[in-house]
Amino acid sequence: MLNLRQLAAFIGVYEEGSFSAAARRLNATQSGLSMQIQNLEEQIGLRLFDRSPRGVVPTHSGQRLYVRAIDIMRNLDEISVEIRTLSEGVGGTVRIGLMPTFSRGVLAPALAAFIADYPNVKVSVVEAYSAVLTDEVAAGNLDFAIVPSAPQREGLRTRWLGTDRELLVRRAGDGPPHLSPVRLRDLSPMKLVLPARGNARRDAFDSYAELHGVALSALVDMDAMIATLEFVANSDFMTILPETICINDIDGTVRSLHPIADPALSVDYAVIEPAKNALLPAAELFLDGLERQYRLSKSVWQGMPVSSHHEN
């Protein structure tokens, strides 16, 4: 009969692609993991991995077992969480990862409401860009994170959250009227400050610029959102940001906002969490609050009049 230790070992090897990496992750010996996988294969009478000096590749049987194993581990975790909640109520620690868009755009009201309703829950929030947050969720260091949508990654459960328009952001008083759309190719060559390459939104912009003939005269790589906003407000450099992070600039007094048009540029968001773990009730409640604030931000943007003027 299969046991949980075997399933945990199998999941670790499957997701890491090697026995050595899985051993480090599970704090186990490589020989011990190898023995558990061998015993598991003997019990079910199927080969689960093809082995090579470069690592292991799951067989078709291994792929099918992984899907079932993840479901089993998550169901067991959900049972454990439900029983603890019945006896203890909502408590514990919530560990959240947010991209800067959400930490500036929706976190503060969601956090204030959550603390008022659940004062016994400790909240830990990490702000980072998508690659770091994805690794932290995969490692089990975060309960969930909100990131730009990306291809599905082994070991993670991904759910679409929403879509934002990207906006050109510049110093107030420069250029066309606040909230008027712009065609980026008409502004070329541009002076931009953007996250460094490897950032999901930066990579999307680079593809857009190449496809639609957007040229740059100067580019500053800056993986610091507060510094980016301040730099733009006090220089002739511009940046490109999603509408959610710009909700506090919607009055146009410090920074001027312009929807990107012809064609539009947008970003999709996703909630990611460990596939084999159930969200604690406190984490689910906090995520619900973030989603409510995000929908509220979207409703504000949908109600804003947008000028038909284009900068040429």
C-alpha atoms as a PDB file:
ATOM      1  CA  MET A   1       0.000   0.000   0.000  1.00  0.00           C
ATOM      2  CA  LEU A   2       1.248   3.470  -0.842  1.00  0.00           C
ATOM      3  CA  ASN A   3       2.180   5.724   2.051  1.00  0.00           C
ATOM      4  CA  LEU A   4       2.476   9.485   2.415  1.00  0.00           C
ATOM      5  CA  ARG A   5       6.266   9.447   2.690  1.00  0.00           C
ATOM      6  CA  GLN A   6       6.486   7.718  -0.672  1.00  0.00           C
ATOM      7  CA  LEU A   7       4.116  10.228  -2.254  1.00  0.00           C
ATOM      8  CA  ALA A   8       6.050  13.170  -0.785  1.00  0.00           C
ATOM      9  CA  ALA A   9       9.302  11.692  -2.106  1.00  0.00           C
ATOM     10  CA  PHE A  10       7.755  11.103  -5.530  1.00  0.00           C
ATOM     11  CA  ILE A  11       6.379  14.657  -5.737  1.00  0.00           C
ATOM     12  CA  GLY A  12       9.749  16.101  -4.727  1.00  0.00           C
ATOM     13  CA  VAL A  13      11.674  14.138  -7.360  1.00  0.00           C
ATOM     14  CA  TYR A  14       9.054  14.900 -10.023  1.00  0.00           C
ATOM     15  CA  GLU A  15       9.091  18.651  -9.419  1.00  0.00           C
ATOM     16  CA  GLU A  16      12.859  19.009  -8.989  1.00  0.00           C
ATOM     17  CA  GLY A  17      13.843  16.723 -11.855  1.00  0.00           C
ATOM     18  CA  SER A  18      16.660  15.085  -9.909  1.00  0.00           C
ATOM     19  CA  PHE A  19      17.207  13.014  -6.789  1.00  0.00           C
ATOM     20  CA  SER A  20      19.909  15.312  -5.453  1.00  0.00           C
ATOM     21  CA  ALA A  21      17.766  18.455  -5.702  1.00  0.00           C
ATOM     22  CA  ALA A  22      14.782  16.643  -4.197  1.00  0.00           C
ATOM     23  CA  ALA A  23      16.948  15.397  -1.325  1.00  0.00           C
ATOM     24  CA  ARG A  24      17.997  18.972  -0.514  1.00  0.00           C
ATOM     25  CA  ARG A  25      14.407  20.174  -0.679  1.00  0.00           C
ATOM     26  CA  LEU A  26      13.073  17.375   1.539  1.00  0.00           C
ATOM     27  CA  ASN A  27      16.073  17.341   3.885  1.00  0.00           C
ATOM     28  CA  ALA A  28      16.620  13.680   3.081  1.00  0.00           C
ATOM     29  CA  THR A  29      19.430  11.543   1.730  1.00  0.00           C
ATOM     30  CA  GLN A  30      19.663  10.877  -1.990  1.00  0.00           C
ATOM     31  CA  SER A  31      19.999   7.147  -1.403  1.00  0.00           C
ATOM     32  CA  GLY A  32      16.932   7.155   0.838  1.00  0.00           C
ATOM     33  CA  LEU A  33      14.839   8.911  -1.791  1.00  0.00           C
ATOM     34  CA  SER A  34      16.069   6.570  -4.482  1.00  0.00           C
ATOM     35  CA  MET A  35      15.065   3.591  -2.358  1.00  0.00           C
ATOM     36  CA  GLN A  36      11.590   5.020  -1.712  1.00  0.00           C
ATOM     37  CA  ILE A  37      10.987   5.602  -5.425  1.00  0.00           C
ATOM     38  CA  GLN A  38      12.279   2.128  -6.242  1.00  0.00           C
ATOM     39  CA  ASN A  39       9.938   0.570  -3.656  1.00  0.00           C
ATOM     40  CA  LEU A  40       7.049   2.640  -5.005  1.00  0.00           C
ATOM     41  CA  GLU A  41       7.712   1.466  -8.566  1.00  0.00           C
ATOM     42  CA  GLU A  42       7.867  -2.144  -7.387  1.00  0.00           C
ATOM     43  CA  GLN A  43       4.601  -1.811  -5.468  1.00  0.00           C
ATOM     44  CA  ILE A  44       2.619  -0.457  -8.405  1.00  0.00           C
ATOM     45  CA  GLY A  45       4.490  -2.444 -11.049  1.00  0.00           C
ATOM     46  CA  LEU A  46       5.273   0.563 -13.244  1.00  0.00           C
ATOM     47  CA  ARG A  47       8.358   2.625 -14.026  1.00  0.00           C
ATOM     48  CA  LEU A  48       7.732   6.218 -12.928  1.00  0.00           C
ATOM     49  CA  PHE A  49      10.949   7.885 -14.111  1.00  0.00           C
ATOM     50  CA  ASP A  50      13.482   7.445 -16.881  1.00  0.00           C
ATOM     51  CA  ARG A  51      16.892   7.972 -15.293  1.00  0.00           C
ATOM     52  CA  SER A  52      19.952   9.523 -16.931  1.00  0.00           C
ATOM     53  CA  PRO A  53      23.160  11.244 -15.752  1.00  0.00           C
ATOM     54  CA  ARG A  54      21.412  14.604 -16.331  1.00  0.00           C
ATOM     55  CA  GLY A  55      18.485  13.813 -14.048  1.00  0.00           C
ATOM     56  CA  VAL A  56      15.118  12.095 -14.259  1.00  0.00           C
ATOM     57  CA  VAL A  57      12.194  12.489 -16.638  1.00  0.00           C
ATOM     58  CA  PRO A  58       8.739  11.243 -15.645  1.00  0.00           C
ATOM     59  CA  THR A  59       7.164   8.514 -17.725  1.00  0.00           C
ATOM     60  CA  HIS A  60       3.534   8.687 -18.793  1.00  0.00           C
ATOM     61  CA  SER A  61       2.664   6.658 -15.694  1.00  0.00           C
ATOM     62  CA  GLY A  62       4.679   9.078 -13.580  1.00  0.00           C
ATOM     63  CA  GLN A  63       2.814  12.048 -15.031  1.00  0.00           C
ATOM     64  CA  ARG A  64      -0.548  10.475 -14.219  1.00  0.00           C
ATOM     65  CA  LEU A  65       0.528   9.560 -10.692  1.00  0.00           C
ATOM     66  CA  TYR A  66       1.754  13.121 -10.076  1.00  0.00           C
ATOM     67  CA  VAL A  67      -1.689  14.583 -10.808  1.00  0.00           C
ATOM     68  CA  ARG A  68      -3.332  12.129  -8.411  1.00  0.00           C
ATOM     69  CA  ALA A  69      -0.621  12.520  -5.765  1.00  0.00           C
ATOM     70  CA  ILE A  70      -1.017  16.308  -5.727  1.00  0.00           C
ATOM     71  CA  ASP A  71      -4.776  15.924  -5.279  1.00  0.00           C
ATOM     72  CA  ILE A  72      -4.287  13.443  -2.427  1.00  0.00           C
ATOM     73  CA  MET A  73      -1.829  15.669  -0.565  1.00  0.00           C
ATOM     74  CA  ARG A  74      -4.026  18.736  -1.012  1.00  0.00           C
ATOM     75  CA  ASN A  75      -7.141  16.881   0.174  1.00  0.00           C
ATOM     76  CA  LEU A  76      -5.317  15.679   3.278  1.00  0.00           C
ATOM     77  CA  ASP A  77      -4.086  19.195   3.961  1.00  0.00           C
ATOM     78  CA  GLU A  78      -7.617  20.569   3.550  1.00  0.00           C
ATOM     79  CA  ILE A  79      -8.889  18.058   6.118  1.00  0.00           C
ATOM     80  CA  SER A  80      -6.162  19.083   8.552  1.00  0.00           C
ATOM     81  CA  VAL A  81      -6.897  22.780   8.046  1.00  0.00           C
ATOM     82  CA  GLU A  82     -10.641  22.253   8.489  1.00  0.00           C
ATOM     83  CA  ILE A  83     -10.204  20.335  11.751  1.00  0.00           C
ATOM     84  CA  ARG A  84      -7.787  22.913  13.173  1.00  0.00           C
ATOM     85  CA  THR A  85     -10.136  25.749  12.247  1.00  0.00           C
ATOM     86  CA  LEU A  86     -13.059  24.040  13.994  1.00  0.00           C
ATOM     87  CA  SER A  87     -11.081  23.862  17.223  1.00  0.00           C
ATOM     88  CA  GLU A  88      -9.022  27.055  17.053  1.00  0.00           C
ATOM     89  CA  GLY A  89     -10.935  29.484  14.817  1.00  0.00           C
ATOM     90  CA  VAL A  90      -9.246  31.821  12.334  1.00  0.00           C
ATOM     91  CA  GLY A  91      -5.674  32.442  13.416  1.00  0.00           C
ATOM     92  CA  GLY A  92      -2.050  31.739  12.629  1.00  0.00           C
ATOM     93  CA  THR A  93       0.171  33.548  10.155  1.00  0.00           C
ATOM     94  CA  VAL A  94      -0.626  34.658   6.615  1.00  0.00           C
ATOM     95  CA  ARG A  95       2.387  34.897   4.282  1.00  0.00           C
ATOM     96  CA  ILE A  96       1.610  36.881   1.145  1.00  0.00           C
ATOM     97  CA  GLY A  97       3.633  37.850  -1.909  1.00  0.00           C
ATOM     98  CA  LEU A  98       2.604  40.838  -4.007  1.00  0.00           C
ATOM     99  CA  MET A  99       3.986  42.475  -7.103  1.00  0.00           C
ATOM    100  CA  PRO A 100       4.358  46.267  -6.688  1.00  0.00           C
ATOM    101  CA  THR A 101       1.144  46.896  -8.632  1.00  0.00           C
ATOM    102  CA  PHE A 102      -0.904  45.329  -5.856  1.00  0.00           C
ATOM    103  CA  SER A 103       1.149  46.504  -2.884  1.00  0.00           C
ATOM    104  CA  ARG A 104       0.655  50.148  -3.984  1.00  0.00           C
ATOM    105  CA  GLY A 105      -2.752  49.843  -5.589  1.00  0.00           C
ATOM    106  CA  VAL A 106      -4.884  47.662  -3.290  1.00  0.00           C
ATOM    107  CA  LEU A 107      -2.944  46.422  -0.239  1.00  0.00           C
ATOM    108  CA  ALA A 108      -3.506  49.247   2.267  1.00  0.00           C
ATOM    109  CA  PRO A 109      -7.333  49.166   2.441  1.00  0.00           C
ATOM    110  CA  ALA A 110      -7.421  45.363   2.275  1.00  0.00           C
ATOM    111  CA  LEU A 111      -4.860  45.064   5.077  1.00  0.00           C
ATOM    112  CA  ALA A 112      -6.623  47.598   7.303  1.00  0.00           C
ATOM    113  CA  ALA A 113      -9.959  45.807   6.946  1.00  0.00           C
ATOM    114  CA  PHE A 114      -8.405  42.390   7.577  1.00  0.00           C
ATOM    115  CA  ILE A 115      -6.568  43.476  10.735  1.00  0.00           C
ATOM    116  CA  ALA A 116      -9.767  45.025  12.086  1.00  0.00           C
ATOM    117  CA  ASP A 117     -11.721  41.802  11.504  1.00  0.00           C
ATOM    118  CA  TYR A 118      -8.997  39.299  12.483  1.00  0.00           C
ATOM    119  CA  PRO A 119      -6.659  40.917  15.014  1.00  0.00           C
ATOM    120  CA  ASN A 120      -5.209  37.560  16.112  1.00  0.00           C
ATOM    121  CA  VAL A 121      -3.784  36.739  12.682  1.00  0.00           C
ATOM    122  CA  LYS A 122      -0.181  37.710  12.021  1.00  0.00           C
ATOM    123  CA  VAL A 123       0.287  39.094   8.503  1.00  0.00           C
ATOM    124  CA  SER A 124       3.585  38.960   6.608  1.00  0.00           C
ATOM    125  CA  VAL A 125       3.760  40.676   3.211  1.00  0.00           C
ATOM    126  CA  VAL A 126       6.645  40.420   0.746  1.00  0.00           C
ATOM    127  CA  GLU A 127       6.844  42.788  -2.230  1.00  0.00           C
ATOM    128  CA  ALA A 128       8.890  41.545  -5.170  1.00  0.00           C
ATOM    129  CA  TYR A 129       8.730  40.963  -8.893  1.00  0.00           C
ATOM    130  CA  SER A 130       7.231  37.834 -10.410  1.00  0.00           C
ATOM    131  CA  ALA A 131      10.290  35.571 -10.661  1.00  0.00           C
ATOM    132  CA  VAL A 132      11.166  35.960  -6.980  1.00  0.00           C
ATOM    133  CA  LEU A 133       7.578  35.524  -5.825  1.00  0.00           C
ATOM    134  CA  THR A 134       7.088  32.419  -7.955  1.00  0.00           C
ATOM    135  CA  ASP A 135      10.199  30.804  -6.489  1.00  0.00           C
ATOM    136  CA  GLU A 136       9.095  31.681  -2.949  1.00  0.00           C
ATOM    137  CA  VAL A 137       5.660  30.133  -3.451  1.00  0.00           C
ATOM    138  CA  ALA A 138       7.205  27.019  -5.008  1.00  0.00           C
ATOM    139  CA  ALA A 139       9.528  26.699  -2.010  1.00  0.00           C
ATOM    140  CA  GLY A 140       6.586  26.900   0.390  1.00  0.00           C
ATOM    141  CA  ASN A 141       7.688  30.202   1.903  1.00  0.00           C
ATOM    142  CA  LEU A 142       4.498  32.022   0.861  1.00  0.00           C
ATOM    143  CA  ASP A 143       0.863  30.935   1.118  1.00  0.00           C
ATOM    144  CA  PHE A 144       0.062  32.653  -2.162  1.00  0.00           C
ATOM    145  CA  ALA A 145       1.263  35.419  -4.449  1.00  0.00           C
ATOM    146  CA  ILE A 146      -0.253  37.666  -7.094  1.00  0.00           C
ATOM    147  CA  VAL A 147       1.913  37.897 -10.215  1.00  0.00           C
ATOM    148  CA  PRO A 148       1.595  38.514 -13.954  1.00  0.00           C
ATOM    149  CA  SER A 149       0.209  35.425 -15.667  1.00  0.00           C
ATOM    150  CA  ALA A 150       2.864  33.029 -16.924  1.00  0.00           C
ATOM    151  CA  PRO A 151       3.047  29.448 -18.216  1.00  0.00           C
ATOM    152  CA  GLN A 152       1.967  26.841 -15.659  1.00  0.00           C
ATOM    153  CA  ARG A 153       4.803  25.703 -13.401  1.00  0.00           C
ATOM    154  CA  GLU A 154       5.021  22.264 -11.824  1.00  0.00           C
ATOM    155  CA  GLY A 155       4.028  22.280  -8.183  1.00  0.00           C
ATOM    156  CA  LEU A 156       1.915  25.433  -8.418  1.00  0.00           C
ATOM    157  CA  ARG A 157      -1.811  25.971  -8.719  1.00  0.00           C
ATOM    158  CA  THR A 158      -2.603  28.993 -10.898  1.00  0.00           C
ATOM    159  CA  ARG A 159      -5.849  30.949 -11.183  1.00  0.00           C
ATOM    160  CA  TRP A 160      -6.526  33.938 -13.427  1.00  0.00           C
ATOM    161  CA  LEU A 161      -7.383  37.076 -11.441  1.00  0.00           C
ATOM    162  CA  GLY A 162      -7.926  39.877 -13.946  1.00  0.00           C
ATOM    163  CA  THR A 163      -6.554  42.069 -16.714  1.00  0.00           C
ATOM    164  CA  ASP A 164      -5.244  45.647 -16.569  1.00  0.00           C
ATOM    165  CA  ARG A 165      -4.597  48.163 -19.314  1.00  0.00           C
ATOM    166  CA  GLU A 166      -1.042  49.433 -19.395  1.00  0.00           C
ATOM    167  CA  LEU A 167      -0.654  53.208 -19.157  1.00  0.00           C
ATOM    168  CA  LEU A 168       2.081  55.593 -20.201  1.00  0.00           C
ATOM    169  CA  VAL A 169       2.988  57.569 -17.068  1.00  0.00           C
ATOM    170  CA  ARG A 170       4.766  60.919 -17.266  1.00  0.00           C
ATOM    171  CA  ARG A 171       5.281  64.097 -15.262  1.00  0.00           C
ATOM    172  CA  ALA A 172       2.062  66.087 -14.807  1.00  0.00           C
ATOM    173  CA  GLY A 173       1.808  68.962 -17.268  1.00  0.00           C
ATOM    174  CA  ASP A 174       3.922  67.291 -19.957  1.00  0.00           C
ATOM    175  CA  GLY A 175       2.354  66.197 -23.214  1.00  0.00           C
ATOM    176  CA  PRO A 176      -1.347  65.775 -24.014  1.00  0.00           C
ATOM    177  CA  PRO A 177      -4.263  66.042 -21.563  1.00  0.00           C
ATOM    178  CA  HIS A 178      -4.398  63.664 -18.612  1.00  0.00           C
ATOM    179  CA  LEU A 179      -6.145  60.362 -19.491  1.00  0.00           C
ATOM    180  CA  SER A 180      -5.912  60.924 -23.250  1.00  0.00           C
ATOM    181  CA  PRO A 181      -4.752  57.809 -25.168  1.00  0.00           C
ATOM    182  CA  VAL A 182      -1.351  57.719 -26.871  1.00  0.00           C
ATOM    183  CA  ARG A 183       0.265  55.676 -29.632  1.00  0.00           C
ATOM    184  CA  LEU A 184       3.757  54.788 -28.464  1.00  0.00           C
ATOM    185  CA  ARG A 185       5.180  54.682 -31.978  1.00  0.00           C
ATOM    186  CA  ASP A 186       4.155  58.339 -32.397  1.00  0.00           C
ATOM    187  CA  LEU A 187       6.286  59.266 -29.368  1.00  0.00           C
ATOM    188  CA  SER A 188       9.440  57.538 -30.613  1.00  0.00           C
ATOM    189  CA  PRO A 189      12.189  57.856 -29.703  1.00  0.00           C
ATOM    190  CA  MET A 190      11.148  57.737 -26.051  1.00  0.00           C
ATOM    191  CA  LYS A 191      12.971  58.110 -22.734  1.00  0.00           C
ATOM    192  CA  LEU A 192      11.758  55.326 -20.471  1.00  0.00           C
ATOM    193  CA  VAL A 193      12.486  53.882 -17.046  1.00  0.00           C
ATOM    194  CA  LEU A 194      11.434  50.224 -16.808  1.00  0.00           C
ATOM    195  CA  PRO A 195      12.100  47.083 -14.765  1.00  0.00           C
ATOM    196  CA  ALA A 196      15.135  45.128 -15.929  1.00  0.00           C
ATOM    197  CA  ARG A 197      14.834  42.353 -18.491  1.00  0.00           C
ATOM    198  CA  GLY A 198      13.519  39.126 -17.015  1.00  0.00           C
ATOM    199  CA  ASN A 199      10.597  40.956 -15.461  1.00  0.00           C
ATOM    200  CA  ALA A 200       7.397  39.636 -17.052  1.00  0.00           C
ATOM    201  CA  ARG A 201       5.979  43.059 -17.870  1.00  0.00           C
ATOM    202  CA  ARG A 202       9.303  44.335 -19.213  1.00  0.00           C
ATOM    203  CA  ASP A 203       9.620  41.340 -21.500  1.00  0.00           C
ATOM    204  CA  ALA A 204       6.069  41.931 -22.752  1.00  0.00           C
ATOM    205  CA  PHE A 205       6.891  45.579 -23.496  1.00  0.00           C
ATOM    206  CA  ASP A 206      10.087  44.644 -25.354  1.00  0.00           C
ATOM    207  CA  SER A 207       8.087  42.319 -27.605  1.00  0.00           C
ATOM    208  CA  TYR A 208       5.443  45.015 -28.144  1.00  0.00           C
ATOM    209  CA  ALA A 209       8.066  47.645 -28.979  1.00  0.00           C
ATOM    210  CA  GLU A 210       9.823  45.419 -31.503  1.00  0.00           C
ATOM    211  CA  LEU A 211       6.562  44.406 -33.164  1.00  0.00           C
ATOM    212  CA  HIS A 212       5.088  47.918 -33.369  1.00  0.00           C
ATOM    213  CA  GLY A 213       8.141  50.035 -34.106  1.00  0.00           C
ATOM    214  CA  VAL A 214       8.570  51.762 -30.746  1.00  0.00           C
ATOM    215  CA  ALA A 215      12.074  53.260 -30.492  1.00  0.00           C
ATOM    216  CA  LEU A 216      13.880  54.515 -27.377  1.00  0.00           C
ATOM    217  CA  SER A 217      16.392  57.334 -27.068  1.00  0.00           C
ATOM    218  CA  ALA A 218      17.225  56.500 -23.443  1.00  0.00           C
ATOM    219  CA  LEU A 219      16.422  53.629 -21.106  1.00  0.00           C
ATOM    220  CA  VAL A 220      16.982  53.253 -17.367  1.00  0.00           C
ATOM    221  CA  ASP A 221      16.607  49.773 -15.849  1.00  0.00           C
ATOM    222  CA  MET A 222      15.114  50.196 -12.380  1.00  0.00           C
ATOM    223  CA  ASP A 223      13.754  47.372 -10.230  1.00  0.00           C
ATOM    224  CA  ALA A 224      12.438  49.808  -7.625  1.00  0.00           C
ATOM    225  CA  MET A 225       8.856  50.973  -7.987  1.00  0.00           C
ATOM    226  CA  ILE A 226       8.851  53.894  -5.541  1.00  0.00           C
ATOM    227  CA  ALA A 227      12.041  55.249  -7.102  1.00  0.00           C
ATOM    228  CA  THR A 228      10.525  54.831 -10.571  1.00  0.00           C
ATOM    229  CA  LEU A 229       7.441  56.840  -9.623  1.00  0.00           C
ATOM    230  CA  GLU A 230       9.488  59.615  -8.028  1.00  0.00           C
ATOM    231  CA  PHE A 231      11.945  59.749 -10.930  1.00  0.00           C
ATOM    232  CA  VAL A 232       9.123  60.087 -13.458  1.00  0.00           C
ATOM    233  CA  ALA A 233       7.420  62.818 -11.415  1.00  0.00           C
ATOM    234  CA  ASN A 234      10.643  64.851 -11.370  1.00  0.00           C
ATOM    235  CA  SER A 235      12.135  64.315 -14.844  1.00  0.00           C
ATOM    236  CA  ASP A 236      11.225  64.045 -18.501  1.00  0.00           C
ATOM    237  CA  PHE A 237      11.533  60.245 -18.375  1.00  0.00           C
ATOM    238  CA  MET A 238       8.336  58.234 -18.668  1.00  0.00           C
ATOM    239  CA  THR A 239       7.347  54.733 -17.595  1.00  0.00           C
ATOM    240  CA  ILE A 240       4.683  52.158 -18.380  1.00  0.00           C
ATOM    241  CA  LEU A 241       2.513  50.881 -15.543  1.00  0.00           C
ATOM    242  CA  PRO A 242      -0.766  48.985 -15.085  1.00  0.00           C
ATOM    243  CA  GLU A 243      -3.846  50.983 -14.198  1.00  0.00           C
ATOM    244  CA  THR A 244      -4.198  49.367 -10.751  1.00  0.00           C
ATOM    245  CA  ILE A 245      -0.907  50.762  -9.473  1.00  0.00           C
ATOM    246  CA  CYS A 246      -1.880  54.187 -10.832  1.00  0.00           C
ATOM    247  CA  ILE A 247      -5.157  54.448  -8.917  1.00  0.00           C
ATOM    248  CA  ASN A 248      -3.647  57.042  -6.545  1.00  0.00           C
ATOM    249  CA  ASP A 249      -2.576  59.177  -9.533  1.00  0.00           C
ATOM    250  CA  ILE A 250      -5.978  59.222 -11.156  1.00  0.00           C
ATOM    251  CA  ASP A 251      -6.389  62.948 -10.378  1.00  0.00           C
ATOM    252  CA  GLY A 252      -3.347  63.763 -12.553  1.00  0.00           C
ATOM    253  CA  THR A 253      -1.826  66.308 -10.147  1.00  0.00           C
ATOM    254  CA  VAL A 254       1.604  64.642  -9.810  1.00  0.00           C
ATOM    255  CA  ARG A 255       1.766  62.247 -12.733  1.00  0.00           C
ATOM    256  CA  SER A 256      -0.166  62.246 -15.985  1.00  0.00           C
ATOM    257  CA  LEU A 257      -1.677  58.955 -17.179  1.00  0.00           C
ATOM    258  CA  HIS A 258      -2.349  57.889 -20.763  1.00  0.00           C
ATOM    259  CA  PRO A 259      -3.912  54.590 -21.898  1.00  0.00           C
ATOM    260  CA  ILE A 260      -1.751  52.959 -24.559  1.00  0.00           C
ATOM    261  CA  ALA A 261      -3.717  52.579 -27.792  1.00  0.00           C
ATOM    262  CA  ASP A 262      -3.459  51.410 -31.409  1.00  0.00           C
ATOM    263  CA  PRO A 263      -2.767  48.740 -30.281  1.00  0.00           C
ATOM    264  CA  ALA A 264      -3.452  48.527 -26.571  1.00  0.00           C
ATOM    265  CA  LEU A 265      -0.995  46.881 -24.194  1.00  0.00           C
ATOM    266  CA  SER A 266      -2.331  44.888 -21.249  1.00  0.00           C
ATOM    267  CA  VAL A 267      -1.214  42.597 -18.443  1.00  0.00           C
ATOM    268  CA  ASP A 268      -3.002  39.559 -17.011  1.00  0.00           C
ATOM    269  CA  TYR A 269      -2.711  38.690 -13.320  1.00  0.00           C
ATOM    270  CA  ALA A 270      -2.794  35.304 -11.629  1.00  0.00           C
ATOM    271  CA  VAL A 271      -2.964  33.985  -8.088  1.00  0.00           C
ATOM    272  CA  ILE A 272      -0.412  31.236  -7.499  1.00  0.00           C
ATOM    273  CA  GLU A 273      -0.214  28.872  -4.536  1.00  0.00           C
ATOM    274  CA  PRO A 274       1.462  25.539  -3.746  1.00  0.00           C
ATOM    275  CA  ALA A 275      -0.506  22.833  -5.542  1.00  0.00           C
ATOM    276  CA  LYS A 276      -0.284  20.290  -2.746  1.00  0.00           C
ATOM    277  CA  ASN A 277      -1.250  22.594   0.135  1.00  0.00           C
ATOM    278  CA  ALA A 278      -4.656  23.962   1.050  1.00  0.00           C
ATOM    279  CA  LEU A 279      -4.926  27.665   1.757  1.00  0.00           C
ATOM    280  CA  LEU A 280      -5.463  28.371   5.434  1.00  0.00           C
ATOM    281  CA  PRO A 281      -8.791  30.108   6.164  1.00  0.00           C
ATOM    282  CA  ALA A 282      -6.923  33.279   7.135  1.00  0.00           C
ATOM    283  CA  ALA A 283      -5.097  33.291   3.794  1.00  0.00           C
ATOM    284  CA  GLU A 284      -8.353  32.725   1.902  1.00  0.00           C
ATOM    285  CA  LEU A 285      -9.979  35.617   3.747  1.00  0.00           C
ATOM    286  CA  PHE A 286      -7.047  37.925   3.039  1.00  0.00           C
ATOM    287  CA  LEU A 287      -7.073  36.964  -0.633  1.00  0.00           C
ATOM    288  CA  ASP A 288     -10.817  37.661  -0.769  1.00  0.00           C
ATOM    289  CA  GLY A 289     -10.143  41.154   0.601  1.00  0.00           C
ATOM    290  CA  LEU A 290      -7.443  41.819  -1.980  1.00  0.00           C
ATOM    291  CA  GLU A 291      -9.746  40.687  -4.773  1.00  0.00           C
ATOM    292  CA  ARG A 292     -12.528  42.974  -3.538  1.00  0.00           C
ATOM    293  CA  GLN A 293     -10.183  45.957  -3.532  1.00  0.00           C
ATOM    294  CA  TYR A 294      -8.920  45.039  -7.000  1.00  0.00           C
ATOM    295  CA  ARG A 295     -12.483  44.904  -8.339  1.00  0.00           C
ATOM    296  CA  LEU A 296     -13.191  48.263  -6.697  1.00  0.00           C
ATOM    297  CA  SER A 297     -10.143  49.749  -8.427  1.00  0.00           C
ATOM    298  CA  LYS A 298     -11.335  48.327 -11.742  1.00  0.00           C
ATOM    299  CA  SER A 299     -14.768  49.880 -11.254  1.00  0.00           C
ATOM    300  CA  VAL A 300     -13.181  53.295 -10.655  1.00  0.00           C
ATOM    301  CA  TRP A 301     -11.209  53.020 -13.895  1.00  0.00           C
ATOM    302  CA  GLN A 302     -14.228  51.850 -15.851  1.00  0.00           C
ATOM    303  CA  GLY A 303     -16.108  54.943 -14.715  1.00  0.00           C
ATOM    304  CA  MET A 304     -13.373  57.385 -15.762  1.00  0.00           C
ATOM    305  CA  PRO A 305     -13.937  59.452 -18.927  1.00  0.00           C
ATOM    306  CA  VAL A 306     -11.113  58.836 -21.396  1.00  0.00           C
ATOM    307  CA  SER A 307     -10.429  61.495 -24.012  1.00  0.00           C
ATOM    308  CA  SER A 308     -10.421  60.433 -27.657  1.00  0.00           C
ATOM    309  CA  HIS A 309      -7.457  62.725 -28.328  1.00  0.00           C
ATOM    310  CA  HIS A 310      -4.306  60.951 -29.510  1.00  0.00           C
ATOM    311  CA  GLU A 311      -0.855  62.478 -29.326  1.00  0.00           C
ATOM    312  CA  ASN A 312       0.712  62.626 -32.781  1.00  0.00           C
END
